[in-house]
Amino acid sequence: MNFAAVFHRAQAPYSYAPDPDTLILRLQTDPGVEQVFVCWGDPFEAGILGGAERWQGRRQPMPAPLALEHALWWTIELRPPYKRCRYYFELHQGGEVWLYGEDGFAAPPADGEHPACFTQPWLNPADIPAPPAWVADTVWYQIFPDRFARSAQSPVTTPWRDGPVTNRQRFGGDLRGIAEKLDHIAGLGVNGLYLNPIFAADSVHKYDTRDYEHVDPDFGADADFAALVDAAHARGMRVMIDAVFNHSGARFAPWLDVQKNGPASPYWDWFMVNRWPLDGPLRDTRDGRYYSFSFAPFMPKLNTNCPAVVDYLAGLCERWVRDFHVDALRFDVGNEISHLLIKEIHRRVRAIDPQVYLLGEIWHDASPWLEADEYDAVMNYPLRRAITDFFGDPARSAQSLGWDLYRCLGMYRRQTVRAQFNLLDSHDTVRLITRSGSEDAFFQQLALLLCLPGSPSLYYGTEIALPGGHDPDCRRCMPWDKLGEPQNAACMDTLRALIALRRALPALRGDDFRFVDTGPGRRVCCRRGDVEILLNAGAGPWTLALGGEVLFARGLGGPAACLAPGGICIRRDPHA
């Protein structure tokens, strides 16, 4: 047995409670392990620990595992009757039997002794992450405000542009313009609105905040924001805004005061200045005079360890939730903000509205931020990469996509996965159609996105396959005058159908996910409860086994149910 391949710890995602009555255990092993049992029970079944008790536990087989590329994941749900659990594992391979506990491996002794057990002391409800349930039922639509829609009240008169843009051009998209287009957004079936920063800043992108208290005049006034939220709510849409708390802009009043008064400034501790005075030319902050976002001198880093900063920023969030009734906050550069700040924001906004959704922008494993008192979920860039890697490399097999999907969907607790913000592109990435290279791959990725566990997000313009390369090209103006063109109308119809399917089928919003091995090649088959998702990413036709009710099809035809290359078939699972 390959002992080095076996892993478990009594922490998520290997041991955790999805609810106050259930305990989920996962054991990772080498692919050669043939069977696993878990021996579990209440820690005090045989008496008080440290006495003469001889605890044995109940021996229970673990269900068939999920297969990753180099490992197996064995998972079981238990319901400890007294909300605490002690357990170890029994592994079988090639006629050998090994026991695995907190202190490692041991052969089964003749006297029935066992290794030191793993323990979950108590399933405390307060310690169980519980993201708002509405998130799993939400399909988001992300808007970069300056480039989305411009009302007649916008102060900017630059001609609306079709094609590449720069980050210095202002086109005058505003909040009233967004409000005027809510019927278009709702008509897609979308029920969540995510806005890039809207508060006063000097740049087009607004990630260099000048005034956190008020909407940027380029976008309108505070009253316009309140009206937009009300109009979105009237259409059944939740609203999420960007909280840019890792850094401020160069003209944020406290930073100007620090630059003027140095250590005498009452805001000196609000930032991370390492050397005073701030003399000399400054192209970036690599010389260490102060910390900033990505070495950008015009984005000084806020000291989110400072109690005054924590109180100020948490107070802003309270105001946005209380006065504007926003439903969700997305935290920019969410991995550099102190845990202290996020915990305080979580505590204070949940006291106002227990259903507020807190989302972190974190591009890597975010486990430390996903306990019960910080973020509910993060932007799922690992999932985006898994999908991108498969569709961008014709040499990759469908099985490799399955391994990657299992890995991404298994990174966190089940309830967290349901609330993950799943995306294929954004204001920070190449647009989906440009990266896909073909309309077929574009729609296949959208179908997969809308059929996976989590909360899917569409970047504005995706409904008409708006192209765009790296920033700033991914921030083009929305070409409203082209929506009626036949190709764009057909694209919107396809996307509407996929969104409607997701919102209509509980299986597509639930937890169950199985990847089916279809053999060598690029024929993708996923099962979500009683729904089967089939994508032919290969070069030849795929004759499907008959059966099941077809719910959505693209490229499916013929008496033999032949799925063409680039085709999609979503149907009731004939094998269920």
Foldseek 3Di string as FASTA:
>chain_A
DPQVQKDAACDPPQWADQAQFKIKHKIKHFPQWDWKWKFKAAPAPQHDPPDPGQDQGDIGTFDAWADFPGITITMDMDGHPQQKMWIWMWIDGPRAIWIQAPVGIDGQDPVRHGDGTHIDGGRDRLFNAFAFPCLLLFEEEEEQQQFEFADPPAPDDPDADDAFDAFQDGNLRALVRVLVCLVVVVLLVGAEYEYQAFAADDTSRCLAAQDLPWGHVSHPTPVSLLVSCVSSVVSNHAYEYEDNQFWHFQNRPQNVQCLVPPPVRPCNLQFFADDPDPDDDAPFCPVPRGDAPVRHPRTTGTDLVDPVSLVVSLVSLLCCCQVSVHQEYEYEVQVNHDLVSQLSSQVRNCVVPVNRAYEYADQDLPVVQCIRRGHLEYAQNLLLVLLLVPLQDQVDWLSNSVSSVCCSCRSGHLSSQQAHEYENDEQAFFAQLQSNVDPLSLLLVLLVQLQARHHYYDYPPSLQPRGAGGPPRVVHHRPVVCCPPPSSVVSSVSSSLSSVVSSVDVLSSHRDKDWDDPDTGHWTWMDRPQKIKTFQQGQAKDQDDDDFAWSDKDQFDDPRRIRGNSIITMGGHRVD
